[in-house]
N, C-alpha and C. Protein backbone atom coordinates (compact mmCIF):
# COMPACT_ATOMS: atom_id res chain seq x y z
N MET A 1 88.21 190.15 -62.55
CA MET A 1 87.60 191.44 -62.80
C MET A 1 88.54 192.53 -62.30
N ALA A 2 89.76 192.45 -62.76
CA ALA A 2 90.77 193.41 -62.34
C ALA A 2 90.34 194.83 -62.69
N GLY A 3 90.46 195.73 -61.72
CA GLY A 3 90.13 197.13 -61.95
C GLY A 3 88.65 197.45 -61.82
N SER A 4 87.82 196.44 -61.65
CA SER A 4 86.39 196.72 -61.60
C SER A 4 85.95 196.97 -60.16
N LYS A 5 84.85 197.62 -60.02
CA LYS A 5 84.27 197.92 -58.72
C LYS A 5 83.36 196.76 -58.33
N VAL A 6 83.68 196.10 -57.23
CA VAL A 6 82.86 195.02 -56.72
C VAL A 6 82.19 195.54 -55.44
N PHE A 7 80.89 195.41 -55.39
CA PHE A 7 80.15 195.88 -54.23
C PHE A 7 80.04 194.76 -53.20
N GLY A 8 80.36 195.06 -51.96
CA GLY A 8 80.25 194.09 -50.88
C GLY A 8 78.84 194.01 -50.34
N LEU A 9 78.59 192.97 -49.58
CA LEU A 9 77.30 192.81 -48.93
C LEU A 9 77.05 193.99 -48.00
N ASP A 10 75.87 194.55 -48.04
CA ASP A 10 75.43 195.71 -47.26
C ASP A 10 76.02 197.04 -47.74
N ALA A 11 76.75 197.05 -48.85
CA ALA A 11 77.30 198.30 -49.38
C ALA A 11 76.16 199.22 -49.80
N GLY A 12 76.36 200.50 -49.59
CA GLY A 12 75.40 201.50 -50.04
C GLY A 12 75.63 201.82 -51.51
N VAL A 13 74.55 201.82 -52.29
CA VAL A 13 74.61 202.16 -53.71
C VAL A 13 73.44 203.09 -54.03
N VAL A 14 73.55 203.75 -55.17
CA VAL A 14 72.46 204.58 -55.66
C VAL A 14 72.12 204.06 -57.05
N PHE A 15 70.90 203.53 -57.19
CA PHE A 15 70.42 202.98 -58.46
C PHE A 15 69.36 203.92 -59.02
N ARG A 16 69.70 204.54 -60.14
CA ARG A 16 68.79 205.49 -60.81
C ARG A 16 68.25 206.52 -59.83
N GLY A 17 69.15 207.06 -59.00
CA GLY A 17 68.80 208.13 -58.08
C GLY A 17 68.21 207.69 -56.76
N LYS A 18 68.01 206.39 -56.57
CA LYS A 18 67.40 205.88 -55.34
C LYS A 18 68.46 205.18 -54.49
N SER A 19 68.56 205.57 -53.23
CA SER A 19 69.51 204.92 -52.32
C SER A 19 69.04 203.51 -52.00
N MET A 20 69.98 202.57 -52.13
CA MET A 20 69.69 201.16 -51.88
C MET A 20 70.90 200.55 -51.19
N ARG A 21 70.80 199.26 -50.83
CA ARG A 21 71.94 198.54 -50.28
C ARG A 21 72.01 197.17 -50.94
N VAL A 22 73.21 196.60 -50.95
CA VAL A 22 73.41 195.26 -51.50
C VAL A 22 72.95 194.26 -50.46
N ALA A 23 71.84 193.58 -50.76
CA ALA A 23 71.26 192.60 -49.83
C ALA A 23 71.71 191.18 -50.14
N GLY A 24 72.24 190.97 -51.35
CA GLY A 24 72.74 189.65 -51.75
C GLY A 24 73.73 189.80 -52.88
N ARG A 25 74.68 188.86 -52.93
CA ARG A 25 75.68 188.90 -54.00
C ARG A 25 76.05 187.47 -54.38
N MET A 26 76.22 187.26 -55.68
CA MET A 26 76.63 185.96 -56.19
C MET A 26 77.77 186.18 -57.18
N LEU A 27 78.80 185.35 -57.08
CA LEU A 27 79.91 185.37 -58.02
C LEU A 27 79.81 184.13 -58.88
N LEU A 28 79.79 184.33 -60.20
CA LEU A 28 79.68 183.24 -61.16
C LEU A 28 80.92 183.22 -62.04
N SER A 29 81.32 182.03 -62.47
CA SER A 29 82.45 181.88 -63.37
C SER A 29 81.98 181.14 -64.61
N GLY A 30 82.29 181.70 -65.78
CA GLY A 30 81.90 181.08 -67.03
C GLY A 30 82.92 180.06 -67.50
N ALA A 31 82.59 179.37 -68.57
CA ALA A 31 83.44 178.30 -69.10
C ALA A 31 84.82 178.79 -69.49
N SER A 32 84.94 180.03 -69.94
CA SER A 32 86.25 180.55 -70.36
C SER A 32 86.95 181.30 -69.23
N GLY A 33 86.41 181.19 -68.00
CA GLY A 33 87.05 181.80 -66.85
C GLY A 33 86.61 183.21 -66.52
N GLN A 34 85.73 183.81 -67.32
CA GLN A 34 85.26 185.16 -67.03
C GLN A 34 84.38 185.14 -65.79
N SER A 35 84.46 186.21 -65.01
CA SER A 35 83.67 186.33 -63.78
C SER A 35 82.50 187.26 -64.01
N THR A 36 81.40 186.94 -63.37
CA THR A 36 80.19 187.75 -63.41
C THR A 36 79.67 187.86 -61.99
N PHE A 37 79.31 189.06 -61.57
CA PHE A 37 78.68 189.25 -60.27
C PHE A 37 77.20 189.53 -60.48
N ARG A 38 76.38 189.05 -59.56
CA ARG A 38 74.97 189.41 -59.48
C ARG A 38 74.75 190.06 -58.14
N TYR A 39 73.96 191.11 -58.16
CA TYR A 39 73.64 191.85 -56.94
C TYR A 39 72.13 191.94 -56.77
N LEU A 40 71.67 191.68 -55.56
CA LEU A 40 70.28 191.93 -55.20
C LEU A 40 70.30 193.21 -54.39
N LEU A 41 69.65 194.25 -54.89
CA LEU A 41 69.60 195.54 -54.21
C LEU A 41 68.25 195.70 -53.53
N SER A 42 68.28 196.23 -52.32
CA SER A 42 67.07 196.46 -51.56
C SER A 42 67.05 197.92 -51.13
N GLY A 43 65.87 198.51 -51.19
CA GLY A 43 65.78 199.91 -50.83
C GLY A 43 64.63 200.22 -49.91
N GLY A 44 64.28 199.31 -49.04
CA GLY A 44 63.15 199.56 -48.14
C GLY A 44 61.85 199.34 -48.89
N ALA A 45 61.19 200.41 -49.27
CA ALA A 45 59.93 200.31 -50.01
C ALA A 45 60.22 199.95 -51.46
N GLY A 46 59.34 199.19 -52.06
CA GLY A 46 59.49 198.82 -53.46
C GLY A 46 60.13 197.46 -53.62
N ALA A 47 60.05 196.96 -54.83
CA ALA A 47 60.59 195.64 -55.14
C ALA A 47 62.12 195.67 -55.18
N PRO A 48 62.75 194.56 -54.81
CA PRO A 48 64.21 194.50 -54.93
C PRO A 48 64.61 194.56 -56.39
N VAL A 49 65.87 194.91 -56.63
CA VAL A 49 66.41 195.05 -57.97
C VAL A 49 67.53 194.03 -58.14
N LEU A 50 67.53 193.29 -59.25
CA LEU A 50 68.56 192.31 -59.54
C LEU A 50 69.41 192.81 -60.70
N LEU A 51 70.72 192.93 -60.46
CA LEU A 51 71.65 193.43 -61.48
C LEU A 51 72.72 192.39 -61.73
N GLU A 52 73.23 192.37 -62.97
CA GLU A 52 74.36 191.53 -63.31
C GLU A 52 75.48 192.41 -63.81
N GLN A 53 76.70 192.17 -63.30
CA GLN A 53 77.89 192.93 -63.67
C GLN A 53 78.83 192.02 -64.45
N ALA A 54 79.08 192.37 -65.71
CA ALA A 54 80.00 191.60 -66.54
C ALA A 54 81.44 191.98 -66.22
N ALA A 55 82.37 191.20 -66.72
CA ALA A 55 83.80 191.41 -66.46
C ALA A 55 84.28 192.78 -66.93
N ASP A 56 83.63 193.35 -67.93
CA ASP A 56 84.05 194.66 -68.45
C ASP A 56 83.32 195.81 -67.77
N ASP A 57 82.75 195.53 -66.60
CA ASP A 57 82.03 196.53 -65.80
C ASP A 57 80.76 197.06 -66.44
N ARG A 58 80.22 196.33 -67.39
CA ARG A 58 78.89 196.68 -67.90
C ARG A 58 77.87 196.04 -66.97
N TYR A 59 76.79 196.75 -66.72
CA TYR A 59 75.74 196.26 -65.85
C TYR A 59 74.46 196.08 -66.65
N ALA A 60 73.67 195.09 -66.23
CA ALA A 60 72.36 194.87 -66.84
C ALA A 60 71.35 194.63 -65.73
N LEU A 61 70.16 195.14 -65.93
CA LEU A 61 69.03 194.91 -65.04
C LEU A 61 68.37 193.61 -65.47
N LEU A 62 68.16 192.69 -64.52
CA LEU A 62 67.47 191.43 -64.80
C LEU A 62 66.07 191.54 -64.21
N ARG A 63 65.07 191.59 -65.10
CA ARG A 63 63.68 191.74 -64.65
C ARG A 63 62.97 190.40 -64.81
N PRO A 64 62.69 189.72 -63.69
CA PRO A 64 62.07 188.40 -63.79
C PRO A 64 60.61 188.47 -64.23
N PHE A 65 60.20 187.44 -64.97
CA PHE A 65 58.80 187.29 -65.34
C PHE A 65 58.07 186.66 -64.16
N PRO A 66 56.84 187.09 -63.89
CA PRO A 66 56.07 186.40 -62.85
C PRO A 66 55.78 184.97 -63.31
N PRO A 67 55.71 184.01 -62.40
CA PRO A 67 55.45 182.63 -62.79
C PRO A 67 54.21 182.46 -63.67
N ALA A 68 53.17 183.25 -63.43
CA ALA A 68 51.95 183.14 -64.22
C ALA A 68 52.13 183.63 -65.65
N ALA A 69 53.15 184.44 -65.89
CA ALA A 69 53.38 185.01 -67.23
C ALA A 69 54.59 184.38 -67.90
N GLU A 70 54.97 183.18 -67.48
CA GLU A 70 56.15 182.54 -68.00
C GLU A 70 56.06 182.34 -69.52
N PRO A 71 57.12 182.71 -70.24
CA PRO A 71 57.13 182.55 -71.70
C PRO A 71 57.04 181.08 -72.10
N GLN A 72 56.68 180.86 -73.34
CA GLN A 72 56.58 179.51 -73.90
C GLN A 72 57.86 179.19 -74.67
N THR A 73 58.46 178.05 -74.37
CA THR A 73 59.70 177.63 -75.02
C THR A 73 59.42 176.49 -75.97
N ALA A 74 59.99 176.58 -77.18
CA ALA A 74 59.89 175.51 -78.17
C ALA A 74 61.21 175.45 -78.93
N GLY A 75 62.00 174.42 -78.65
CA GLY A 75 63.30 174.30 -79.33
C GLY A 75 64.21 175.45 -78.97
N ASN A 76 64.68 176.17 -80.00
CA ASN A 76 65.61 177.30 -79.81
C ASN A 76 64.91 178.64 -79.82
N THR A 77 63.59 178.66 -79.57
CA THR A 77 62.86 179.92 -79.52
C THR A 77 62.04 180.01 -78.24
N VAL A 78 61.80 181.24 -77.84
CA VAL A 78 60.95 181.55 -76.71
C VAL A 78 59.94 182.57 -77.20
N SER A 79 58.67 182.35 -76.86
CA SER A 79 57.61 183.28 -77.27
C SER A 79 57.05 183.99 -76.05
N VAL A 80 56.96 185.31 -76.18
CA VAL A 80 56.33 186.16 -75.17
C VAL A 80 55.23 186.90 -75.90
N GLY A 81 54.00 186.47 -75.66
CA GLY A 81 52.89 187.03 -76.43
C GLY A 81 53.12 186.70 -77.91
N LYS A 82 53.12 187.73 -78.76
CA LYS A 82 53.33 187.53 -80.19
C LYS A 82 54.80 187.66 -80.59
N GLU A 83 55.66 188.04 -79.64
CA GLU A 83 57.08 188.24 -79.93
C GLU A 83 57.85 186.93 -79.78
N ARG A 84 58.77 186.68 -80.75
CA ARG A 84 59.60 185.47 -80.69
C ARG A 84 61.06 185.87 -80.48
N TYR A 85 61.70 185.16 -79.60
CA TYR A 85 63.11 185.35 -79.28
C TYR A 85 63.86 184.10 -79.71
N THR A 86 65.04 184.27 -80.32
CA THR A 86 65.84 183.15 -80.82
C THR A 86 67.10 182.99 -79.99
N LEU A 87 67.44 181.75 -79.69
CA LEU A 87 68.63 181.44 -78.91
C LEU A 87 69.88 181.90 -79.64
N VAL A 88 70.73 182.68 -78.94
CA VAL A 88 71.99 183.16 -79.53
C VAL A 88 73.20 182.65 -78.76
N GLY A 89 73.00 182.08 -77.59
CA GLY A 89 74.13 181.56 -76.83
C GLY A 89 73.69 180.96 -75.52
N VAL A 90 74.56 180.09 -75.00
CA VAL A 90 74.31 179.45 -73.72
C VAL A 90 75.54 179.65 -72.86
N ARG A 91 75.31 180.05 -71.62
CA ARG A 91 76.41 180.20 -70.66
C ARG A 91 76.27 179.10 -69.61
N ARG A 92 77.37 178.45 -69.34
CA ARG A 92 77.43 177.46 -68.25
C ARG A 92 78.18 178.17 -67.12
N LEU A 93 77.47 178.50 -66.05
CA LEU A 93 78.00 179.32 -64.97
C LEU A 93 78.16 178.54 -63.68
N LYS A 94 79.37 178.48 -63.19
CA LYS A 94 79.66 177.84 -61.91
C LYS A 94 79.50 178.88 -60.81
N VAL A 95 78.74 178.54 -59.78
CA VAL A 95 78.53 179.45 -58.66
C VAL A 95 79.73 179.33 -57.71
N LEU A 96 80.50 180.40 -57.59
CA LEU A 96 81.68 180.41 -56.72
C LEU A 96 81.37 180.96 -55.34
N GLU A 97 80.36 181.84 -55.25
CA GLU A 97 80.02 182.49 -53.98
C GLU A 97 78.56 182.91 -54.04
N ALA A 98 77.86 182.75 -52.95
CA ALA A 98 76.49 183.27 -52.81
C ALA A 98 76.32 183.70 -51.36
N ILE A 99 76.21 185.01 -51.14
CA ILE A 99 76.07 185.54 -49.79
C ILE A 99 74.85 186.44 -49.72
N GLY A 100 74.28 186.54 -48.53
CA GLY A 100 73.11 187.39 -48.34
C GLY A 100 71.86 186.73 -48.89
N GLN A 101 70.92 187.56 -49.29
CA GLN A 101 69.66 187.06 -49.83
C GLN A 101 69.86 186.47 -51.22
N SER A 102 68.94 185.62 -51.64
CA SER A 102 69.03 184.94 -52.93
C SER A 102 69.09 185.94 -54.08
N THR A 103 70.01 185.70 -55.01
CA THR A 103 70.21 186.60 -56.14
C THR A 103 69.83 185.95 -57.46
N GLY A 104 68.90 185.04 -57.45
CA GLY A 104 68.51 184.44 -58.72
C GLY A 104 67.65 183.22 -58.53
N ALA A 105 67.61 182.44 -59.59
CA ALA A 105 66.69 181.33 -59.70
C ALA A 105 67.01 180.16 -58.79
N ALA A 106 68.26 180.00 -58.41
CA ALA A 106 68.65 178.75 -57.79
C ALA A 106 69.46 178.91 -56.52
N PRO A 107 68.81 179.26 -55.42
CA PRO A 107 69.58 179.35 -54.18
C PRO A 107 70.20 177.99 -53.86
N GLY A 108 71.48 177.99 -53.53
CA GLY A 108 72.16 176.75 -53.18
C GLY A 108 72.69 175.94 -54.35
N ALA A 109 72.43 176.37 -55.58
CA ALA A 109 72.90 175.61 -56.75
C ALA A 109 74.39 175.84 -56.96
N ALA A 110 75.07 174.83 -57.51
CA ALA A 110 76.50 174.95 -57.81
C ALA A 110 76.73 175.31 -59.27
N LEU A 111 75.72 175.10 -60.13
CA LEU A 111 75.87 175.34 -61.56
C LEU A 111 74.56 175.88 -62.12
N LEU A 112 74.65 176.87 -63.01
CA LEU A 112 73.48 177.42 -63.70
C LEU A 112 73.71 177.34 -65.19
N LEU A 113 72.67 177.01 -65.93
CA LEU A 113 72.70 177.12 -67.38
C LEU A 113 71.85 178.32 -67.75
N SER A 114 72.42 179.20 -68.54
CA SER A 114 71.79 180.46 -68.85
C SER A 114 71.72 180.61 -70.37
N GLY A 115 70.52 180.51 -70.93
CA GLY A 115 70.32 180.69 -72.36
C GLY A 115 69.97 182.12 -72.67
N MET A 116 70.68 182.70 -73.64
CA MET A 116 70.44 184.08 -74.04
C MET A 116 69.68 184.08 -75.37
N PHE A 117 68.57 184.80 -75.42
CA PHE A 117 67.70 184.86 -76.59
C PHE A 117 67.58 186.31 -77.03
N GLU A 118 67.61 186.54 -78.33
CA GLU A 118 67.44 187.89 -78.88
C GLU A 118 66.11 187.96 -79.62
N GLY A 119 65.46 189.11 -79.49
CA GLY A 119 64.18 189.31 -80.16
C GLY A 119 63.92 190.78 -80.38
N PRO A 120 62.73 191.12 -80.84
CA PRO A 120 62.41 192.50 -81.18
C PRO A 120 62.48 193.47 -80.00
N ALA A 121 62.28 192.99 -78.79
CA ALA A 121 62.32 193.88 -77.62
C ALA A 121 63.63 193.78 -76.86
N GLY A 122 64.65 193.15 -77.47
CA GLY A 122 65.95 193.07 -76.80
C GLY A 122 66.33 191.65 -76.45
N THR A 123 66.88 191.50 -75.24
CA THR A 123 67.43 190.22 -74.80
C THR A 123 66.58 189.62 -73.69
N LEU A 124 66.37 188.32 -73.80
CA LEU A 124 65.66 187.56 -72.80
C LEU A 124 66.62 186.45 -72.34
N MET A 125 66.62 186.14 -71.06
CA MET A 125 67.48 185.09 -70.53
C MET A 125 66.62 184.04 -69.84
N ARG A 126 66.93 182.78 -70.14
CA ARG A 126 66.27 181.66 -69.46
C ARG A 126 67.34 180.95 -68.64
N GLU A 127 67.08 180.79 -67.35
CA GLU A 127 68.08 180.21 -66.48
C GLU A 127 67.49 178.99 -65.78
N LEU A 128 68.33 177.94 -65.69
CA LEU A 128 67.90 176.73 -65.01
C LEU A 128 69.09 176.04 -64.36
N VAL A 129 68.77 175.18 -63.41
CA VAL A 129 69.76 174.36 -62.72
C VAL A 129 69.68 172.98 -63.35
N PRO A 130 70.83 172.44 -63.82
CA PRO A 130 70.79 171.09 -64.39
C PRO A 130 70.18 170.09 -63.42
N GLY A 131 69.30 169.22 -63.94
CA GLY A 131 68.64 168.22 -63.11
C GLY A 131 67.38 168.71 -62.43
N SER A 132 67.05 169.98 -62.59
CA SER A 132 65.85 170.55 -61.98
C SER A 132 64.89 170.98 -63.08
N ASP A 133 63.61 170.97 -62.80
CA ASP A 133 62.65 171.44 -63.79
C ASP A 133 62.30 172.92 -63.59
N LYS A 134 62.88 173.54 -62.58
CA LYS A 134 62.61 174.97 -62.31
C LYS A 134 63.41 175.84 -63.28
N GLN A 135 62.72 176.76 -63.93
CA GLN A 135 63.33 177.72 -64.85
C GLN A 135 62.87 179.11 -64.45
N VAL A 136 63.74 180.08 -64.70
CA VAL A 136 63.37 181.48 -64.46
C VAL A 136 63.71 182.25 -65.73
N TYR A 137 62.83 183.14 -66.11
CA TYR A 137 63.03 183.98 -67.29
C TYR A 137 63.23 185.42 -66.85
N TYR A 138 64.16 186.10 -67.50
CA TYR A 138 64.44 187.50 -67.22
C TYR A 138 64.47 188.29 -68.52
N LEU A 139 63.95 189.50 -68.50
CA LEU A 139 64.26 190.48 -69.53
C LEU A 139 65.57 191.12 -69.10
N VAL A 140 66.49 191.29 -70.02
CA VAL A 140 67.81 191.82 -69.71
C VAL A 140 67.90 193.21 -70.34
N LYS A 141 68.07 194.22 -69.50
CA LYS A 141 68.15 195.61 -69.97
C LYS A 141 69.48 196.22 -69.55
N PRO A 142 70.34 196.59 -70.50
CA PRO A 142 71.62 197.22 -70.14
C PRO A 142 71.37 198.54 -69.40
N LEU A 143 72.24 198.82 -68.44
CA LEU A 143 72.16 200.08 -67.71
C LEU A 143 72.99 201.13 -68.42
N ALA A 144 72.53 202.36 -68.35
CA ALA A 144 73.29 203.49 -68.89
C ALA A 144 74.35 203.89 -67.87
N ALA A 145 75.40 204.54 -68.36
CA ALA A 145 76.45 205.04 -67.46
C ALA A 145 75.80 205.95 -66.42
N GLY A 146 76.16 205.77 -65.18
CA GLY A 146 75.62 206.60 -64.11
C GLY A 146 74.35 206.07 -63.47
N ASP A 147 73.75 204.98 -64.03
CA ASP A 147 72.55 204.41 -63.42
C ASP A 147 72.84 203.76 -62.07
N LEU A 148 74.08 203.26 -61.90
CA LEU A 148 74.47 202.62 -60.65
C LEU A 148 75.78 203.22 -60.17
N LEU A 149 75.76 203.76 -58.97
CA LEU A 149 76.95 204.37 -58.36
C LEU A 149 77.08 203.88 -56.93
N SER A 150 78.30 203.84 -56.44
CA SER A 150 78.47 203.61 -55.01
C SER A 150 77.91 204.84 -54.30
N ALA A 151 77.52 204.68 -53.05
CA ALA A 151 77.00 205.81 -52.28
C ALA A 151 78.06 206.91 -52.19
N GLU A 152 79.33 206.51 -52.08
CA GLU A 152 80.42 207.47 -51.98
C GLU A 152 80.57 208.27 -53.29
N SER A 153 80.52 207.57 -54.42
CA SER A 153 80.64 208.25 -55.72
C SER A 153 79.47 209.20 -55.96
N HIS A 154 78.28 208.77 -55.55
CA HIS A 154 77.10 209.61 -55.71
C HIS A 154 77.23 210.88 -54.87
N ALA A 155 77.68 210.73 -53.62
CA ALA A 155 77.85 211.89 -52.73
C ALA A 155 78.91 212.84 -53.29
N ALA A 156 80.01 212.28 -53.81
CA ALA A 156 81.08 213.11 -54.39
C ALA A 156 80.58 213.87 -55.61
N ALA A 157 79.79 213.22 -56.44
CA ALA A 157 79.24 213.89 -57.63
C ALA A 157 78.28 215.01 -57.24
N ARG A 158 77.48 214.78 -56.22
CA ARG A 158 76.56 215.83 -55.74
C ARG A 158 77.34 217.01 -55.17
N GLU A 159 78.39 216.71 -54.43
CA GLU A 159 79.22 217.77 -53.85
C GLU A 159 79.91 218.57 -54.96
N ALA A 160 80.42 217.88 -55.97
CA ALA A 160 81.07 218.57 -57.09
C ALA A 160 80.06 219.45 -57.83
N ALA A 161 78.85 218.96 -58.02
CA ALA A 161 77.81 219.76 -58.68
C ALA A 161 77.44 220.98 -57.83
N ARG A 162 77.37 220.78 -56.51
CA ARG A 162 77.05 221.90 -55.62
C ARG A 162 78.15 222.96 -55.69
N ARG A 163 79.40 222.53 -55.67
CA ARG A 163 80.51 223.48 -55.76
C ARG A 163 80.52 224.21 -57.09
N ALA A 164 80.26 223.47 -58.17
CA ALA A 164 80.23 224.10 -59.49
C ALA A 164 79.11 225.13 -59.56
N ALA A 165 77.97 224.82 -58.98
CA ALA A 165 76.87 225.79 -58.96
C ALA A 165 77.22 227.00 -58.15
N GLY A 166 77.93 226.81 -57.04
CA GLY A 166 78.37 227.94 -56.21
C GLY A 166 79.37 228.82 -56.94
N GLU A 167 80.26 228.21 -57.70
CA GLU A 167 81.26 228.99 -58.48
C GLU A 167 80.57 229.79 -59.56
N ARG A 168 79.53 229.24 -60.18
CA ARG A 168 78.80 229.98 -61.22
C ARG A 168 78.07 231.17 -60.61
N ASP A 169 77.53 230.98 -59.39
CA ASP A 169 76.84 232.08 -58.72
C ASP A 169 77.79 233.23 -58.36
N ASP A 170 79.06 232.91 -58.14
CA ASP A 170 80.04 233.91 -57.75
C ASP A 170 80.53 234.71 -58.94
N ASP A 171 80.30 234.22 -60.16
CA ASP A 171 80.81 234.93 -61.37
C ASP A 171 80.13 236.22 -61.63
């Protein structure tokens, strides 16, 4: 992930305007050697946030389904209510690093299988550990530019905005 910003454990970040910290991080390697980071963000009050960072610095929010609302799987499709999602790819991910709090379905696992499904509401991911019957489902929502910033970048942007507002007032 040359040139990309990797957040360390306990790093300060701002997610959609809310100050948080990196409470867990996982580094995954795909079959073709691409690296993916997962971050568990904690912000005191409220639920933790799970993000995935692709090699091209795109981020996605992973929103887990509660166990009671687990989708139904049949062959290459997953059904959520009346919506059907179709399998479009499978990632075989080797866990290279896992630090801090758990960042996904399989704490302590060395390998994850991640099925990506497309449907009318976007992307759904089913993740499992080979040899285990435990599965976790996530809705995958891409983040917009600026949704996630380091605390330093956020402070610099606020300072620049404050200065720009001050310059406009002086005109």
